[in-house]
Structure formats: C-alpha cells, structure tokens
Amino acid sequence: MEAIRVGYAFCGSFCTYDRAMAALEQVRARFEDVVPIVSETSAATDTRFGNAHDFLREMERICGRRVVDTIAKAEPIGPQGLLDVLVICPCTGNTLAKLACGITDTAVTMAAKAHLRNGRPLVIAVSTNDALAGSAKNIGALLDKKNVYFVPFRQDDPVRKPTSVVADFGQVTQTIEAALAGKQLQPLLLGPAG
C-alpha cells in the first residue's frame, strides 16, 4: 500500500453506490489512508438503493475512520493539507454545477474547495442523467480547470437516456494514479459498455 492520503467523497447518485463502494474498496486496497466524505444529502437520505446509515457504516468499515459529513469537518482539509488527492465518486450534476461555479454549500464542495487551494488533484467520477445536456457546460468548465481530472466515462443507456453518462468506476484507482502524476487518464470518452 502507498502512503498517499486520499479523500473519497460520495454525492447523491444513489443508483451507483454499489459500484462506488466497490471502487472505494479498490482504492483502500491500493492506498493506506482513505478519508470518507459524504454530502449532507447522502448522509441523510434513505432510498430504494439502501439505507443511509448502512452506507455510512460501510464506508467507515472500509476506511477505518469516521465519515466527514459536515462543512465544518471538511474545512480543515485545506489549511491543514490533509489530503494528497480528493476523489468525488459518484459526482452528481448538482455537484458538478457547484464546483464549476465555486459554490461551497456541502461537505463535499467544501472539501473540494479546501483541497484545490493547495494545488492538489481533484478526481471526478461523474454520474448524471443530464451530462450531455444541462451539465455539459459544467463538465467543460471543469475539464479546463487546473488540477481537475475525470474518471473516464461513457453513455450508460444511449437509447433510453441519451444525455446520461456514468464514469467507469473500475478506473478510479488508475485515474488517481494518473492525476497524482499530473495527467488525465485516457481515453476520457469511452465507447459503449460490452
């Protein structure tokens, strides 16, 4: 295991939590220090995909530490230089918009703002139904920002959801490694799953 300090943040794309949790397991197997971070919505919302409390406990079990779940708990990430890399997986369209516009009103956006001020890499694993519509401009803005990297992504259902994309969660660890070297993992736009 490498002694890299990784922040791993969850936003409310609940339908991808199973894949995001599997990616968290892979990240934790590769890096010894992983800090779980969740948006307040993620921390408080039970859905048909699972109970919020159960997700939080599982994150804590995997990482061996308490979840950062408030703005106040996330703020020291910057001033204290607590992370080498921060991953937002999954990252919703709502969080993409906030990051693109500099809005800091959740634990996850505060973690990102605090982390980026140190000139360290932010890795985004996008998961949103409007990536090729309303969120496209925010993805474009973030692709143009220094120290922001994307996990390669693809349309998840081009026929029934033509504007929806989801990151390839199996490439989160490789994207972290590339971002730590200052590189965007390629190809960024993936073909159909299969």
C-alpha atoms as a PDB file:
ATOM      1  CA  MET A   1       0.000   0.000   0.000  1.00  0.00           C
ATOM      2  CA  GLU A   2       1.115   3.507  -0.809  1.00  0.00           C
ATOM      3  CA  ALA A   3       1.260   6.239   1.826  1.00  0.00           C
ATOM      4  CA  ILE A   4      -0.905   8.641  -0.152  1.00  0.00           C
ATOM      5  CA  ARG A   5      -3.725  10.423   1.681  1.00  0.00           C
ATOM      6  CA  VAL A   6      -6.905  10.038  -0.374  1.00  0.00           C
ATOM      7  CA  GLY A   7     -10.230  11.740   0.262  1.00  0.00           C
ATOM      8  CA  TYR A   8     -13.149   9.734  -1.153  1.00  0.00           C
ATOM      9  CA  ALA A   9     -16.379  11.728  -1.377  1.00  0.00           C
ATOM     10  CA  PHE A  10     -19.881  10.454  -2.150  1.00  0.00           C
ATOM     11  CA  CYS A  11     -22.680  12.579  -3.596  1.00  0.00           C
ATOM     12  CA  GLY A  12     -26.317  11.573  -4.093  1.00  0.00           C
ATOM     13  CA  SER A  13     -26.195   9.399  -7.214  1.00  0.00           C
ATOM     14  CA  PHE A  14     -27.676   6.596  -5.149  1.00  0.00           C
ATOM     15  CA  CYS A  15     -28.174   4.189  -8.056  1.00  0.00           C
ATOM     16  CA  THR A  16     -24.384   3.979  -8.472  1.00  0.00           C
ATOM     17  CA  TYR A  17     -23.487   3.459  -4.805  1.00  0.00           C
ATOM     18  CA  ASP A  18     -22.853  -0.255  -5.255  1.00  0.00           C
ATOM     19  CA  ARG A  19     -20.216   0.489  -7.934  1.00  0.00           C
ATOM     20  CA  ALA A  20     -18.829   3.466  -5.996  1.00  0.00           C
ATOM     21  CA  MET A  21     -18.456   1.293  -2.887  1.00  0.00           C
ATOM     22  CA  ALA A  22     -16.614  -1.364  -4.927  1.00  0.00           C
ATOM     23  CA  ALA A  23     -14.308   1.380  -6.230  1.00  0.00           C
ATOM     24  CA  LEU A  24     -13.765   2.576  -2.655  1.00  0.00           C
ATOM     25  CA  GLU A  25     -12.675  -0.960  -1.713  1.00  0.00           C
ATOM     26  CA  GLN A  26     -10.160  -0.931  -4.601  1.00  0.00           C
ATOM     27  CA  VAL A  27      -8.837   2.487  -3.617  1.00  0.00           C
ATOM     28  CA  ARG A  28      -8.462   1.384   0.007  1.00  0.00           C
ATOM     29  CA  ALA A  29      -6.594  -1.750  -1.106  1.00  0.00           C
ATOM     30  CA  ARG A  30      -4.127   0.467  -3.014  1.00  0.00           C
ATOM     31  CA  PHE A  31      -3.750   3.408  -0.608  1.00  0.00           C
ATOM     32  CA  GLU A  32      -3.439   3.048   3.158  1.00  0.00           C
ATOM     33  CA  ASP A  33      -5.028   6.351   4.233  1.00  0.00           C
ATOM     34  CA  VAL A  34      -8.521   6.967   2.818  1.00  0.00           C
ATOM     35  CA  VAL A  35     -10.862   9.555   4.328  1.00  0.00           C
ATOM     36  CA  PRO A  36     -14.583   9.008   3.594  1.00  0.00           C
ATOM     37  CA  ILE A  37     -16.565  12.192   2.911  1.00  0.00           C
ATOM     38  CA  VAL A  38     -20.292  12.483   2.179  1.00  0.00           C
ATOM     39  CA  SER A  39     -22.678  15.236   1.215  1.00  0.00           C
ATOM     40  CA  GLU A  40     -25.341  16.003   3.750  1.00  0.00           C
ATOM     41  CA  THR A  41     -27.943  14.625   1.342  1.00  0.00           C
ATOM     42  CA  SER A  42     -26.051  11.340   1.110  1.00  0.00           C
ATOM     43  CA  ALA A  43     -25.734  11.175   4.883  1.00  0.00           C
ATOM     44  CA  ALA A  44     -29.459  11.657   5.472  1.00  0.00           C
ATOM     45  CA  THR A  45     -31.322  10.052   2.577  1.00  0.00           C
ATOM     46  CA  ASP A  46     -32.668   6.509   2.603  1.00  0.00           C
ATOM     47  CA  THR A  47     -33.591   5.297  -0.893  1.00  0.00           C
ATOM     48  CA  ARG A  48     -34.658   2.132  -2.650  1.00  0.00           C
ATOM     49  CA  PHE A  49     -30.928   1.523  -3.144  1.00  0.00           C
ATOM     50  CA  GLY A  50     -30.218   1.370   0.575  1.00  0.00           C
ATOM     51  CA  ASN A  51     -30.292   2.953   3.982  1.00  0.00           C
ATOM     52  CA  ALA A  52     -28.030   5.999   4.501  1.00  0.00           C
ATOM     53  CA  HIS A  53     -26.867   4.779   7.914  1.00  0.00           C
ATOM     54  CA  ASP A  54     -25.796   1.445   6.419  1.00  0.00           C
ATOM     55  CA  PHE A  55     -23.777   3.167   3.669  1.00  0.00           C
ATOM     56  CA  LEU A  56     -22.030   5.397   6.215  1.00  0.00           C
ATOM     57  CA  ARG A  57     -21.118   2.455   8.450  1.00  0.00           C
ATOM     58  CA  GLU A  58     -19.788   0.508   5.457  1.00  0.00           C
ATOM     59  CA  MET A  59     -17.628   3.463   4.387  1.00  0.00           C
ATOM     60  CA  GLU A  60     -16.257   3.706   7.905  1.00  0.00           C
ATOM     61  CA  ARG A  61     -15.557  -0.033   7.987  1.00  0.00           C
ATOM     62  CA  ILE A  62     -13.674   0.080   4.681  1.00  0.00           C
ATOM     63  CA  CYS A  63     -11.654   3.182   5.561  1.00  0.00           C
ATOM     64  CA  GLY A  64     -11.184   2.524   9.268  1.00  0.00           C
ATOM     65  CA  ARG A  65     -12.184   6.056  10.195  1.00  0.00           C
ATOM     66  CA  ARG A  66     -15.241   8.264  10.741  1.00  0.00           C
ATOM     67  CA  VAL A  67     -17.049   9.864   7.817  1.00  0.00           C
ATOM     68  CA  VAL A  68     -16.622  13.596   7.221  1.00  0.00           C
ATOM     69  CA  ASP A  69     -20.252  14.701   6.875  1.00  0.00           C
ATOM     70  CA  THR A  70     -20.402  18.449   7.565  1.00  0.00           C
ATOM     71  CA  ILE A  71     -18.879  21.618   6.150  1.00  0.00           C
ATOM     72  CA  ALA A  72     -17.200  22.274   9.497  1.00  0.00           C
ATOM     73  CA  LYS A  73     -15.491  18.853   9.429  1.00  0.00           C
ATOM     74  CA  ALA A  74     -14.405  19.316   5.775  1.00  0.00           C
ATOM     75  CA  GLU A  75     -12.986  22.846   6.093  1.00  0.00           C
ATOM     76  CA  PRO A  76      -9.633  21.856   7.750  1.00  0.00           C
ATOM     77  CA  ILE A  77      -8.729  19.745   4.684  1.00  0.00           C
ATOM     78  CA  GLY A  78      -7.217  22.824   3.034  1.00  0.00           C
ATOM     79  CA  PRO A  79      -5.483  24.725   5.832  1.00  0.00           C
ATOM     80  CA  GLN A  80      -4.058  21.539   7.336  1.00  0.00           C
ATOM     81  CA  GLY A  81      -3.150  19.980   3.955  1.00  0.00           C
ATOM     82  CA  LEU A  82      -4.868  16.746   4.952  1.00  0.00           C
ATOM     83  CA  LEU A  83      -5.124  15.109   1.507  1.00  0.00           C
ATOM     84  CA  ASP A  84      -2.833  14.378  -1.424  1.00  0.00           C
ATOM     85  CA  VAL A  85      -5.762  13.700  -3.758  1.00  0.00           C
ATOM     86  CA  LEU A  86      -9.546  14.019  -3.474  1.00  0.00           C
ATOM     87  CA  VAL A  87     -11.981  11.829  -5.402  1.00  0.00           C
ATOM     88  CA  ILE A  88     -15.684  12.620  -5.796  1.00  0.00           C
ATOM     89  CA  CYS A  89     -17.276   9.291  -6.689  1.00  0.00           C
ATOM     90  CA  PRO A  90     -20.069   9.477  -7.635  1.00  0.00           C
ATOM     91  CA  CYS A  91     -20.286  13.147  -8.616  1.00  0.00           C
ATOM     92  CA  THR A  92     -23.789  14.342  -9.461  1.00  0.00           C
ATOM     93  CA  GLY A  93     -24.782  17.042 -11.940  1.00  0.00           C
ATOM     94  CA  ASN A  94     -25.703  19.242  -8.985  1.00  0.00           C
ATOM     95  CA  THR A  95     -22.199  18.956  -7.517  1.00  0.00           C
ATOM     96  CA  LEU A  96     -20.623  19.492 -10.963  1.00  0.00           C
ATOM     97  CA  ALA A  97     -22.534  22.776 -11.236  1.00  0.00           C
ATOM     98  CA  LYS A  98     -21.461  23.880  -7.784  1.00  0.00           C
ATOM     99  CA  LEU A  99     -17.814  23.060  -8.472  1.00  0.00           C
ATOM    100  CA  ALA A 100     -17.897  24.869 -11.827  1.00  0.00           C
ATOM    101  CA  CYS A 101     -19.439  27.969 -10.222  1.00  0.00           C
ATOM    102  CA  GLY A 102     -17.429  27.987  -6.991  1.00  0.00           C
ATOM    103  CA  ILE A 103     -20.399  27.251  -4.742  1.00  0.00           C
ATOM    104  CA  THR A 104     -19.442  25.767  -1.380  1.00  0.00           C
ATOM    105  CA  ASP A 105     -22.543  24.658   0.491  1.00  0.00           C
ATOM    106  CA  THR A 106     -21.969  20.966   1.266  1.00  0.00           C
ATOM    107  CA  ALA A 107     -19.271  18.915   2.956  1.00  0.00           C
ATOM    108  CA  VAL A 108     -18.175  17.635  -0.474  1.00  0.00           C
ATOM    109  CA  THR A 109     -17.919  21.049  -2.158  1.00  0.00           C
ATOM    110  CA  MET A 110     -16.103  22.434   0.900  1.00  0.00           C
ATOM    111  CA  ALA A 111     -13.673  19.506   0.786  1.00  0.00           C
ATOM    112  CA  ALA A 112     -13.047  20.193  -2.913  1.00  0.00           C
ATOM    113  CA  LYS A 113     -12.562  23.933  -2.428  1.00  0.00           C
ATOM    114  CA  ALA A 114     -10.306  23.437   0.585  1.00  0.00           C
ATOM    115  CA  HIS A 115      -8.278  20.760  -1.222  1.00  0.00           C
ATOM    116  CA  LEU A 116      -7.874  22.639  -4.521  1.00  0.00           C
ATOM    117  CA  ARG A 117      -6.489  25.689  -2.750  1.00  0.00           C
ATOM    118  CA  ASN A 118      -3.384  23.587  -2.096  1.00  0.00           C
ATOM    119  CA  GLY A 119      -2.871  22.904  -5.815  1.00  0.00           C
ATOM    120  CA  ARG A 120      -3.524  19.198  -5.396  1.00  0.00           C
ATOM    121  CA  PRO A 121      -5.526  16.939  -7.748  1.00  0.00           C
ATOM    122  CA  LEU A 122      -9.299  16.566  -7.664  1.00  0.00           C
ATOM    123  CA  VAL A 123     -10.666  13.467  -9.423  1.00  0.00           C
ATOM    124  CA  ILE A 124     -14.298  13.457 -10.557  1.00  0.00           C
ATOM    125  CA  ALA A 125     -16.280  10.296 -11.324  1.00  0.00           C
ATOM    126  CA  VAL A 126     -19.328  11.797 -12.987  1.00  0.00           C
ATOM    127  CA  SER A 127     -22.748  10.176 -12.775  1.00  0.00           C
ATOM    128  CA  THR A 128     -25.617  12.283 -14.051  1.00  0.00           C
ATOM    129  CA  ASN A 129     -28.612  11.930 -16.336  1.00  0.00           C
ATOM    130  CA  ASP A 130     -28.019  15.362 -17.902  1.00  0.00           C
ATOM    131  CA  ALA A 131     -24.278  15.204 -18.632  1.00  0.00           C
ATOM    132  CA  LEU A 132     -24.856  15.747 -22.360  1.00  0.00           C
ATOM    133  CA  ALA A 133     -27.478  18.423 -21.727  1.00  0.00           C
ATOM    134  CA  GLY A 134     -27.610  20.893 -18.826  1.00  0.00           C
ATOM    135  CA  SER A 135     -24.447  19.606 -17.126  1.00  0.00           C
ATOM    136  CA  ALA A 136     -22.346  19.603 -20.314  1.00  0.00           C
ATOM    137  CA  LYS A 137     -21.179  23.189 -19.812  1.00  0.00           C
ATOM    138  CA  ASN A 138     -20.113  22.395 -16.253  1.00  0.00           C
ATOM    139  CA  ILE A 139     -18.149  19.348 -17.368  1.00  0.00           C
ATOM    140  CA  GLY A 140     -16.475  21.533 -19.986  1.00  0.00           C
ATOM    141  CA  ALA A 141     -15.639  24.214 -17.428  1.00  0.00           C
ATOM    142  CA  LEU A 142     -14.152  21.647 -15.056  1.00  0.00           C
ATOM    143  CA  LEU A 143     -12.148  19.947 -17.819  1.00  0.00           C
ATOM    144  CA  ASP A 144     -10.500  23.337 -18.343  1.00  0.00           C
ATOM    145  CA  LYS A 145      -9.576  23.817 -14.657  1.00  0.00           C
ATOM    146  CA  LYS A 146      -6.094  23.169 -13.388  1.00  0.00           C
ATOM    147  CA  ASN A 147      -5.745  20.122 -11.103  1.00  0.00           C
ATOM    148  CA  VAL A 148      -9.166  18.686 -12.027  1.00  0.00           C
ATOM    149  CA  TYR A 149      -9.253  15.230 -13.626  1.00  0.00           C
ATOM    150  CA  PHE A 150     -12.109  12.972 -14.713  1.00  0.00           C
ATOM    151  CA  VAL A 151     -12.512   9.239 -14.409  1.00  0.00           C
ATOM    152  CA  PRO A 152     -13.191   8.099 -17.996  1.00  0.00           C
ATOM    153  CA  PHE A 153     -16.922   7.955 -18.699  1.00  0.00           C
ATOM    154  CA  ARG A 154     -19.489   6.742 -21.217  1.00  0.00           C
ATOM    155  CA  GLN A 155     -23.165   6.986 -22.020  1.00  0.00           C
ATOM    156  CA  ASP A 156     -24.809   4.389 -19.828  1.00  0.00           C
ATOM    157  CA  ASP A 157     -28.008   3.952 -21.885  1.00  0.00           C
ATOM    158  CA  PRO A 158     -27.843   5.909 -25.178  1.00  0.00           C
ATOM    159  CA  VAL A 159     -31.283   4.742 -26.331  1.00  0.00           C
ATOM    160  CA  ARG A 160     -33.438   5.326 -23.256  1.00  0.00           C
ATOM    161  CA  LYS A 161     -31.293   8.024 -21.570  1.00  0.00           C
ATOM    162  CA  PRO A 162     -29.365   9.750 -24.390  1.00  0.00           C
ATOM    163  CA  THR A 163     -27.954  12.570 -22.225  1.00  0.00           C
ATOM    164  CA  SER A 164     -26.849  10.359 -19.303  1.00  0.00           C
ATOM    165  CA  VAL A 165     -23.232   9.414 -18.626  1.00  0.00           C
ATOM    166  CA  VAL A 166     -21.549   7.456 -15.880  1.00  0.00           C
ATOM    167  CA  ALA A 167     -17.884   7.041 -15.005  1.00  0.00           C
ATOM    168  CA  ASP A 168     -16.155   3.705 -15.395  1.00  0.00           C
ATOM    169  CA  PHE A 169     -15.817   3.012 -11.676  1.00  0.00           C
ATOM    170  CA  GLY A 170     -13.286   0.283 -12.423  1.00  0.00           C
ATOM    171  CA  GLN A 171     -10.817   3.012 -13.469  1.00  0.00           C
ATOM    172  CA  VAL A 172     -10.967   5.155 -10.314  1.00  0.00           C
ATOM    173  CA  THR A 173      -7.656   3.890  -8.907  1.00  0.00           C
ATOM    174  CA  GLN A 174      -5.857   4.317 -12.248  1.00  0.00           C
ATOM    175  CA  THR A 175      -7.271   7.838 -12.594  1.00  0.00           C
ATOM    176  CA  ILE A 176      -5.987   8.719  -9.116  1.00  0.00           C
ATOM    177  CA  GLU A 177      -2.525   7.473 -10.053  1.00  0.00           C
ATOM    178  CA  ALA A 178      -2.547   9.464 -13.310  1.00  0.00           C
ATOM    179  CA  ALA A 179      -3.819  12.603 -11.528  1.00  0.00           C
ATOM    180  CA  LEU A 180      -1.058  12.345  -8.921  1.00  0.00           C
ATOM    181  CA  ALA A 181       1.367  12.415 -11.882  1.00  0.00           C
ATOM    182  CA  GLY A 182      -0.444  15.459 -13.328  1.00  0.00           C
ATOM    183  CA  LYS A 183      -2.041  13.545 -16.209  1.00  0.00           C
ATOM    184  CA  GLN A 184      -5.591  12.912 -17.385  1.00  0.00           C
ATOM    185  CA  LEU A 185      -6.191   9.191 -17.854  1.00  0.00           C
ATOM    186  CA  GLN A 186      -7.060   8.497 -21.489  1.00  0.00           C
ATOM    187  CA  PRO A 187      -9.214   7.835 -23.337  1.00  0.00           C
ATOM    188  CA  LEU A 188     -11.600  10.089 -21.448  1.00  0.00           C
ATOM    189  CA  LEU A 189     -14.668   9.307 -23.577  1.00  0.00           C
ATOM    190  CA  LEU A 190     -15.349   5.580 -23.647  1.00  0.00           C
ATOM    191  CA  GLY A 191     -17.300   3.564 -26.168  1.00  0.00           C
ATOM    192  CA  PRO A 192     -20.377   1.503 -25.290  1.00  0.00           C
ATOM    193  CA  ALA A 193     -20.046  -0.967 -22.440  1.00  0.00           C
ATOM    194  CA  GLY A 194     -19.850  -4.528 -23.546  1.00  0.00           C
END
